[in-house]
């Protein structure tokens, strides 16, 4: 079996790190909702709109990035997104 090259290993590590960071980004909003509730004196059900808006914004950016990747190349858009 051929050994994977260093370049392939680094590319895999970059993709895995990006996927991990996106998962952490999405899961950070529910964690801060109680603190926002305390600071803004809002009800928790009202602050769910923050979660909804953040999720919709992330989805829109993800879909737009996918369209750009189809048009200009996945590698180019990925490297630009990481930068």
PDB file of N, CA and C in Angstrom:
ATOM      1  N   UNK A   1       0.834  -1.167   0.000  1.00  0.00           N
ATOM      2  CA  UNK A   1       0.000   0.000   0.000  1.00  0.00           C
ATOM      3  C   UNK A   1       0.890   1.246   0.000  1.00  0.00           C
ATOM      4  N   UNK A   2       0.615   2.218  -0.894  1.00  0.00           N
ATOM      5  CA  UNK A   2       1.475   3.407  -0.958  1.00  0.00           C
ATOM      6  C   UNK A   2       1.249   4.321   0.248  1.00  0.00           C
ATOM      7  N   UNK A   3       2.315   4.963   0.668  1.00  0.00           N
ATOM      8  CA  UNK A   3       2.252   5.892   1.791  1.00  0.00           C
ATOM      9  C   UNK A   3       1.631   7.213   1.336  1.00  0.00           C
ATOM     10  N   UNK A   4       0.762   7.806   2.150  1.00  0.00           N
ATOM     11  CA  UNK A   4       0.208   9.106   1.787  1.00  0.00           C
ATOM     12  C   UNK A   4       1.293  10.177   1.852  1.00  0.00           C
ATOM     13  N   UNK A   5       1.240  11.083   0.907  1.00  0.00           N
ATOM     14  CA  UNK A   5       2.246  12.139   0.891  1.00  0.00           C
ATOM     15  C   UNK A   5       1.957  13.161   1.991  1.00  0.00           C
ATOM     16  N   UNK A   6       2.961  13.921   2.332  1.00  0.00           N
ATOM     17  CA  UNK A   6       2.814  14.949   3.359  1.00  0.00           C
ATOM     18  C   UNK A   6       1.779  15.983   2.942  1.00  0.00           C
ATOM     19  N   UNK A   7       1.740  16.291   1.660  1.00  0.00           N
ATOM     20  CA  UNK A   7       0.787  17.266   1.147  1.00  0.00           C
ATOM     21  C   UNK A   7      -0.658  16.795   1.345  1.00  0.00           C
ATOM     22  N   UNK A   8      -0.917  15.516   1.065  1.00  0.00           N
ATOM     23  CA  UNK A   8      -2.255  14.968   1.265  1.00  0.00           C
ATOM     24  C   UNK A   8      -2.628  14.944   2.748  1.00  0.00           C
ATOM     25  N   UNK A   9      -1.677  14.623   3.591  1.00  0.00           N
ATOM     26  CA  UNK A   9      -1.926  14.592   5.022  1.00  0.00           C
ATOM     27  C   UNK A   9      -2.252  15.987   5.549  1.00  0.00           C
ATOM     28  N   UNK A  10      -1.527  17.002   5.079  1.00  0.00           N
ATOM     29  CA  UNK A  10      -1.800  18.370   5.496  1.00  0.00           C
ATOM     30  C   UNK A  10      -3.154  18.853   4.985  1.00  0.00           C
ATOM     31  N   UNK A  11      -3.512  18.468   3.771  1.00  0.00           N
ATOM     32  CA  UNK A  11      -4.816  18.852   3.229  1.00  0.00           C
ATOM     33  C   UNK A  11      -5.945  18.222   4.039  1.00  0.00           C
ATOM     34  N   UNK A  12      -5.796  16.958   4.398  1.00  0.00           N
ATOM     35  CA  UNK A  12      -6.797  16.290   5.216  1.00  0.00           C
ATOM     36  C   UNK A  12      -6.909  16.947   6.594  1.00  0.00           C
ATOM     37  N   UNK A  13      -5.785  17.296   7.179  1.00  0.00           N
ATOM     38  CA  UNK A  13      -5.798  17.961   8.485  1.00  0.00           C
ATOM     39  C   UNK A  13      -6.491  19.317   8.398  1.00  0.00           C
ATOM     40  N   UNK A  14      -6.266  20.061   7.317  1.00  0.00           N
ATOM     41  CA  UNK A  14      -6.899  21.373   7.148  1.00  0.00           C
ATOM     42  C   UNK A  14      -8.409  21.245   7.008  1.00  0.00           C
ATOM     43  N   UNK A  15      -8.861  20.273   6.241  1.00  0.00           N
ATOM     44  CA  UNK A  15     -10.299  20.070   6.058  1.00  0.00           C
ATOM     45  C   UNK A  15     -10.953  19.627   7.369  1.00  0.00           C
ATOM     46  N   UNK A  16     -10.308  18.731   8.082  1.00  0.00           N
ATOM     47  CA  UNK A  16     -10.859  18.272   9.366  1.00  0.00           C
ATOM     48  C   UNK A  16     -10.909  19.409  10.379  1.00  0.00           C
ATOM     49  N   UNK A  17      -9.882  20.249  10.413  1.00  0.00           N
ATOM     50  CA  UNK A  17      -9.869  21.380  11.334  1.00  0.00           C
ATOM     51  C   UNK A  17     -10.963  22.384  10.992  1.00  0.00           C
ATOM     52  N   UNK A  18     -11.175  22.631   9.694  1.00  0.00           N
ATOM     53  CA  UNK A  18     -12.232  23.550   9.275  1.00  0.00           C
ATOM     54  C   UNK A  18     -13.611  23.014   9.662  1.00  0.00           C
ATOM     55  N   UNK A  19     -13.835  21.723   9.483  1.00  0.00           N
ATOM     56  CA  UNK A  19     -15.115  21.124   9.857  1.00  0.00           C
ATOM     57  C   UNK A  19     -15.319  21.192  11.372  1.00  0.00           C
ATOM     58  N   UNK A  20     -14.272  20.974  12.133  1.00  0.00           N
ATOM     59  CA  UNK A  20     -14.355  21.079  13.586  1.00  0.00           C
ATOM     60  C   UNK A  20     -14.686  22.504  14.012  1.00  0.00           C
ATOM     61  N   UNK A  21     -14.038  23.473  13.402  1.00  0.00           N
ATOM     62  CA  UNK A  21     -14.278  24.871  13.766  1.00  0.00           C
ATOM     63  C   UNK A  21     -15.705  25.298  13.436  1.00  0.00           C
ATOM     64  N   UNK A  22     -16.242  24.810  12.317  1.00  0.00           N
ATOM     65  CA  UNK A  22     -17.613  25.157  11.964  1.00  0.00           C
ATOM     66  C   UNK A  22     -18.587  24.556  12.982  1.00  0.00           C
ATOM     67  N   UNK A  23     -18.346  23.339  13.398  1.00  0.00           N
ATOM     68  CA  UNK A  23     -19.192  22.722  14.415  1.00  0.00           C
ATOM     69  C   UNK A  23     -19.131  23.462  15.741  1.00  0.00           C
ATOM     70  N   UNK A  24     -17.940  23.905  16.123  1.00  0.00           N
ATOM     71  CA  UNK A  24     -17.802  24.677  17.353  1.00  0.00           C
ATOM     72  C   UNK A  24     -18.489  26.029  17.248  1.00  0.00           C
ATOM     73  N   UNK A  25     -18.430  26.627  16.066  1.00  0.00           N
ATOM     74  CA  UNK A  25     -19.065  27.931  15.871  1.00  0.00           C
ATOM     75  C   UNK A  25     -20.580  27.832  16.023  1.00  0.00           C
ATOM     76  N   UNK A  26     -21.168  26.820  15.418  1.00  0.00           N
ATOM     77  CA  UNK A  26     -22.621  26.653  15.495  1.00  0.00           C
ATOM     78  C   UNK A  26     -23.055  26.345  16.930  1.00  0.00           C
ATOM     79  N   UNK A  27     -22.269  25.562  17.647  1.00  0.00           N
ATOM     80  CA  UNK A  27     -22.679  25.164  18.995  1.00  0.00           C
ATOM     81  C   UNK A  27     -22.367  26.221  20.050  1.00  0.00           C
ATOM     82  N   UNK A  28     -21.714  27.301  19.688  1.00  0.00           N
ATOM     83  CA  UNK A  28     -21.376  28.318  20.691  1.00  0.00           C
ATOM     84  C   UNK A  28     -22.565  29.196  21.065  1.00  0.00           C
ATOM     85  N   UNK A  29     -23.510  29.383  20.166  1.00  0.00           N
ATOM     86  CA  UNK A  29     -24.631  30.279  20.448  1.00  0.00           C
ATOM     87  C   UNK A  29     -25.530  29.746  21.564  1.00  0.00           C
ATOM     88  N   UNK A  30     -25.942  28.478  21.563  1.00  0.00           N
ATOM     89  CA  UNK A  30     -26.780  28.014  22.676  1.00  0.00           C
ATOM     90  C   UNK A  30     -26.102  28.137  24.041  1.00  0.00           C
ATOM     91  N   UNK A  31     -24.790  28.091  24.054  1.00  0.00           N
ATOM     92  CA  UNK A  31     -24.065  28.180  25.316  1.00  0.00           C
ATOM     93  C   UNK A  31     -24.156  29.585  25.907  1.00  0.00           C
ATOM     94  N   UNK A  32     -24.165  30.614  25.072  1.00  0.00           N
ATOM     95  CA  UNK A  32     -24.184  31.981  25.593  1.00  0.00           C
ATOM     96  C   UNK A  32     -25.588  32.533  25.795  1.00  0.00           C
ATOM     97  N   UNK A  33     -26.621  31.817  25.386  1.00  0.00           N
ATOM     98  CA  UNK A  33     -27.978  32.329  25.553  1.00  0.00           C
ATOM     99  C   UNK A  33     -28.344  32.640  27.013  1.00  0.00           C
ATOM    100  N   UNK A  34     -27.995  31.803  27.985  1.00  0.00           N
ATOM    101  CA  UNK A  34     -28.311  32.178  29.375  1.00  0.00           C
ATOM    102  C   UNK A  34     -27.613  33.473  29.821  1.00  0.00           C
ATOM    103  N   UNK A  35     -26.376  33.685  29.378  1.00  0.00           N
ATOM    104  CA  UNK A  35     -25.676  34.927  29.735  1.00  0.00           C
ATOM    105  C   UNK A  35     -26.346  36.125  29.079  1.00  0.00           C
ATOM    106  N   UNK A  36     -26.781  35.969  27.835  1.00  0.00           N
ATOM    107  CA  UNK A  36     -27.505  37.054  27.170  1.00  0.00           C
ATOM    108  C   UNK A  36     -28.829  37.335  27.857  1.00  0.00           C
ATOM    109  N   UNK A  37     -29.483  36.283  28.303  1.00  0.00           N
ATOM    110  CA  UNK A  37     -30.750  36.442  29.016  1.00  0.00           C
ATOM    111  C   UNK A  37     -30.551  37.282  30.280  1.00  0.00           C
ATOM    112  N   UNK A  38     -29.464  37.025  30.975  1.00  0.00           N
ATOM    113  CA  UNK A  38     -29.174  37.757  32.215  1.00  0.00           C
ATOM    114  C   UNK A  38     -28.803  39.210  31.922  1.00  0.00           C
ATOM    115  N   UNK A  39     -27.931  39.415  30.946  1.00  0.00           N
ATOM    116  CA  UNK A  39     -27.444  40.766  30.655  1.00  0.00           C
ATOM    117  C   UNK A  39     -28.502  41.641  29.991  1.00  0.00           C
ATOM    118  N   UNK A  40     -29.280  41.079  29.074  1.00  0.00           N
ATOM    119  CA  UNK A  40     -30.260  41.865  28.333  1.00  0.00           C
ATOM    120  C   UNK A  40     -31.631  41.890  28.994  1.00  0.00           C
ATOM    121  N   UNK A  41     -31.760  41.168  30.099  1.00  0.00           N
ATOM    122  CA  UNK A  41     -33.034  41.090  30.815  1.00  0.00           C
ATOM    123  C   UNK A  41     -34.170  40.630  29.898  1.00  0.00           C
ATOM    124  N   UNK A  42     -33.854  39.702  29.037  1.00  0.00           N
ATOM    125  CA  UNK A  42     -34.864  39.163  28.125  1.00  0.00           C
ATOM    126  C   UNK A  42     -35.283  37.783  28.553  1.00  0.00           C
ATOM    127  N   UNK A  43     -36.412  37.363  28.029  1.00  0.00           N
ATOM    128  CA  UNK A  43     -36.860  35.997  28.301  1.00  0.00           C
ATOM    129  C   UNK A  43     -36.106  35.043  27.380  1.00  0.00           C
ATOM    130  N   UNK A  44     -35.949  33.830  27.850  1.00  0.00           N
ATOM    131  CA  UNK A  44     -35.205  32.843  27.070  1.00  0.00           C
ATOM    132  C   UNK A  44     -35.896  32.565  25.742  1.00  0.00           C
ATOM    133  N   UNK A  45     -37.223  32.560  25.740  1.00  0.00           N
ATOM    134  CA  UNK A  45     -37.939  32.295  24.484  1.00  0.00           C
ATOM    135  C   UNK A  45     -37.725  33.429  23.483  1.00  0.00           C
ATOM    136  N   UNK A  46     -37.597  34.658  23.974  1.00  0.00           N
ATOM    137  CA  UNK A  46     -37.301  35.770  23.067  1.00  0.00           C
ATOM    138  C   UNK A  46     -35.896  35.660  22.487  1.00  0.00           C
ATOM    139  N   UNK A  47     -34.970  35.194  23.307  1.00  0.00           N
ATOM    140  CA  UNK A  47     -33.588  35.090  22.848  1.00  0.00           C
ATOM    141  C   UNK A  47     -33.377  33.932  21.866  1.00  0.00           C
ATOM    142  N   UNK A  48     -34.367  33.070  21.732  1.00  0.00           N
ATOM    143  CA  UNK A  48     -34.267  32.015  20.719  1.00  0.00           C
ATOM    144  C   UNK A  48     -34.192  32.610  19.323  1.00  0.00           C
ATOM    145  N   UNK A  49     -34.711  33.825  19.161  1.00  0.00           N
ATOM    146  CA  UNK A  49     -34.605  34.488  17.857  1.00  0.00           C
ATOM    147  C   UNK A  49     -33.153  34.754  17.494  1.00  0.00           C
ATOM    148  N   UNK A  50     -32.319  34.976  18.493  1.00  0.00           N
ATOM    149  CA  UNK A  50     -30.889  35.154  18.229  1.00  0.00           C
ATOM    150  C   UNK A  50     -30.322  33.876  17.632  1.00  0.00           C
ATOM    151  N   UNK A  51     -30.687  32.746  18.227  1.00  0.00           N
ATOM    152  CA  UNK A  51     -30.223  31.454  17.705  1.00  0.00           C
ATOM    153  C   UNK A  51     -30.730  31.222  16.290  1.00  0.00           C
ATOM    154  N   UNK A  52     -31.987  31.534  16.055  1.00  0.00           N
ATOM    155  CA  UNK A  52     -32.555  31.351  14.720  1.00  0.00           C
ATOM    156  C   UNK A  52     -31.865  32.237  13.687  1.00  0.00           C
ATOM    157  N   UNK A  53     -31.655  33.495  14.030  1.00  0.00           N
ATOM    158  CA  UNK A  53     -31.004  34.412  13.098  1.00  0.00           C
ATOM    159  C   UNK A  53     -29.568  33.982  12.809  1.00  0.00           C
ATOM    160  N   UNK A  54     -28.864  33.530  13.832  1.00  0.00           N
ATOM    161  CA  UNK A  54     -27.483  33.091  13.644  1.00  0.00           C
ATOM    162  C   UNK A  54     -27.418  31.838  12.767  1.00  0.00           C
ATOM    163  N   UNK A  55     -28.327  30.915  12.993  1.00  0.00           N
ATOM    164  CA  UNK A  55     -28.359  29.691  12.183  1.00  0.00           C
ATOM    165  C   UNK A  55     -28.691  30.009  10.735  1.00  0.00           C
ATOM    166  N   UNK A  56     -29.640  30.898  10.506  1.00  0.00           N
ATOM    167  CA  UNK A  56     -29.992  31.276   9.130  1.00  0.00           C
ATOM    168  C   UNK A  56     -28.809  31.977   8.464  1.00  0.00           C
ATOM    169  N   UNK A  57     -28.134  32.866   9.187  1.00  0.00           N
ATOM    170  CA  UNK A  57     -26.980  33.565   8.610  1.00  0.00           C
ATOM    171  C   UNK A  57     -25.871  32.584   8.245  1.00  0.00           C
ATOM    172  N   UNK A  58     -25.590  31.625   9.110  1.00  0.00           N
ATOM    173  CA  UNK A  58     -24.559  30.617   8.801  1.00  0.00           C
ATOM    174  C   UNK A  58     -24.950  29.779   7.592  1.00  0.00           C
ATOM    175  N   UNK A  59     -26.224  29.450   7.492  1.00  0.00           N
ATOM    176  CA  UNK A  59     -26.703  28.659   6.358  1.00  0.00           C
ATOM    177  C   UNK A  59     -26.566  29.433   5.062  1.00  0.00           C
ATOM    178  N   UNK A  60     -26.911  30.709   5.084  1.00  0.00           N
ATOM    179  CA  UNK A  60     -26.796  31.535   3.883  1.00  0.00           C
ATOM    180  C   UNK A  60     -25.337  31.633   3.438  1.00  0.00           C
ATOM    181  N   UNK A  61     -24.433  31.863   4.391  1.00  0.00           N
ATOM    182  CA  UNK A  61     -23.011  31.954   4.055  1.00  0.00           C
ATOM    183  C   UNK A  61     -22.492  30.620   3.521  1.00  0.00           C
ATOM    184  N   UNK A  62     -22.927  29.530   4.107  1.00  0.00           N
ATOM    185  CA  UNK A  62     -22.493  28.211   3.655  1.00  0.00           C
ATOM    186  C   UNK A  62     -22.980  27.920   2.240  1.00  0.00           C
ATOM    187  N   UNK A  63     -24.231  28.270   1.957  1.00  0.00           N
ATOM    188  CA  UNK A  63     -24.767  28.042   0.603  1.00  0.00           C
ATOM    189  C   UNK A  63     -24.065  28.936  -0.418  1.00  0.00           C
ATOM    190  N   UNK A  64     -23.809  30.196  -0.052  1.00  0.00           N
ATOM    191  CA  UNK A  64     -23.120  31.105  -0.970  1.00  0.00           C
ATOM    192  C   UNK A  64     -21.691  30.646  -1.234  1.00  0.00           C
ATOM    193  N   UNK A  65     -21.030  30.154  -0.201  1.00  0.00           N
ATOM    194  CA  UNK A  65     -19.670  29.653  -0.364  1.00  0.00           C
ATOM    195  C   UNK A  65     -19.650  28.425  -1.272  1.00  0.00           C
ATOM    196  N   UNK A  66     -20.650  27.572  -1.137  1.00  0.00           N
ATOM    197  CA  UNK A  66     -20.743  26.408  -2.016  1.00  0.00           C
ATOM    198  C   UNK A  66     -20.942  26.810  -3.460  1.00  0.00           C
ATOM    199  N   UNK A  67     -21.758  27.817  -3.711  1.00  0.00           N
ATOM    200  CA  UNK A  67     -21.970  28.301  -5.080  1.00  0.00           C
ATOM    201  C   UNK A  67     -20.686  28.908  -5.636  1.00  0.00           C
ATOM    202  N   UNK A  68     -19.978  29.671  -4.811  1.00  0.00           N
ATOM    203  CA  UNK A  68     -18.702  30.233  -5.263  1.00  0.00           C
ATOM    204  C   UNK A  68     -17.674  29.139  -5.537  1.00  0.00           C
ATOM    205  N   UNK A  69     -17.679  28.093  -4.716  1.00  0.00           N
ATOM    206  CA  UNK A  69     -16.752  26.984  -4.923  1.00  0.00           C
ATOM    207  C   UNK A  69     -17.054  26.253  -6.232  1.00  0.00           C
ATOM    208  N   UNK A  70     -18.321  26.121  -6.575  1.00  0.00           N
ATOM    209  CA  UNK A  70     -18.673  25.507  -7.851  1.00  0.00           C
ATOM    210  C   UNK A  70     -18.197  26.360  -9.023  1.00  0.00           C
ATOM    211  N   UNK A  71     -18.233  27.656  -8.845  1.00  0.00           N
ATOM    212  CA  UNK A  71     -17.886  28.565  -9.938  1.00  0.00           C
ATOM    213  C   UNK A  71     -16.373  28.766 -10.077  1.00  0.00           C
ATOM    214  N   UNK A  72     -15.667  28.955  -8.944  1.00  0.00           N
ATOM    215  CA  UNK A  72     -14.249  29.324  -8.995  1.00  0.00           C
ATOM    216  C   UNK A  72     -13.296  28.216  -8.565  1.00  0.00           C
ATOM    217  N   UNK A  73     -13.828  27.100  -8.115  1.00  0.00           N
ATOM    218  CA  UNK A  73     -12.974  25.986  -7.695  1.00  0.00           C
ATOM    219  C   UNK A  73     -12.975  25.834  -6.186  1.00  0.00           C
ATOM    220  N   UNK A  74     -13.102  24.596  -5.768  1.00  0.00           N
ATOM    221  CA  UNK A  74     -13.215  24.320  -4.339  1.00  0.00           C
ATOM    222  C   UNK A  74     -11.949  24.655  -3.571  1.00  0.00           C
ATOM    223  N   UNK A  75     -10.814  24.320  -4.143  1.00  0.00           N
ATOM    224  CA  UNK A  75      -9.551  24.573  -3.454  1.00  0.00           C
ATOM    225  C   UNK A  75      -9.324  26.069  -3.273  1.00  0.00           C
ATOM    226  N   UNK A  76      -9.562  26.839  -4.309  1.00  0.00           N
ATOM    227  CA  UNK A  76      -9.346  28.285  -4.246  1.00  0.00           C
ATOM    228  C   UNK A  76     -10.253  28.932  -3.186  1.00  0.00           C
ATOM    229  N   UNK A  77     -11.530  28.551  -3.186  1.00  0.00           N
ATOM    230  CA  UNK A  77     -12.458  29.130  -2.225  1.00  0.00           C
ATOM    231  C   UNK A  77     -12.142  28.670  -0.802  1.00  0.00           C
ATOM    232  N   UNK A  78     -11.741  27.413  -0.641  1.00  0.00           N
ATOM    233  CA  UNK A  78     -11.391  26.912   0.687  1.00  0.00           C
ATOM    234  C   UNK A  78     -10.195  27.663   1.246  1.00  0.00           C
ATOM    235  N   UNK A  79      -9.157  27.834   0.437  1.00  0.00           N
ATOM    236  CA  UNK A  79      -7.950  28.535   0.900  1.00  0.00           C
ATOM    237  C   UNK A  79      -8.296  29.990   1.211  1.00  0.00           C
ATOM    238  N   UNK A  80      -9.114  30.619   0.385  1.00  0.00           N
ATOM    239  CA  UNK A  80      -9.531  31.996   0.641  1.00  0.00           C
ATOM    240  C   UNK A  80     -10.353  32.083   1.936  1.00  0.00           C
ATOM    241  N   UNK A  81     -11.218  31.105   2.177  1.00  0.00           N
ATOM    242  CA  UNK A  81     -12.028  31.095   3.398  1.00  0.00           C
ATOM    243  C   UNK A  81     -11.164  30.902   4.641  1.00  0.00           C
ATOM    244  N   UNK A  82     -10.163  30.061   4.547  1.00  0.00           N
ATOM    245  CA  UNK A  82      -9.269  29.835   5.680  1.00  0.00           C
ATOM    246  C   UNK A  82      -8.470  31.107   5.982  1.00  0.00           C
ATOM    247  N   UNK A  83      -8.053  31.786   4.928  1.00  0.00           N
ATOM    248  CA  UNK A  83      -7.260  33.028   5.114  1.00  0.00           C
ATOM    249  C   UNK A  83      -8.134  34.087   5.743  1.00  0.00           C
TER     250      UNK A  83
END
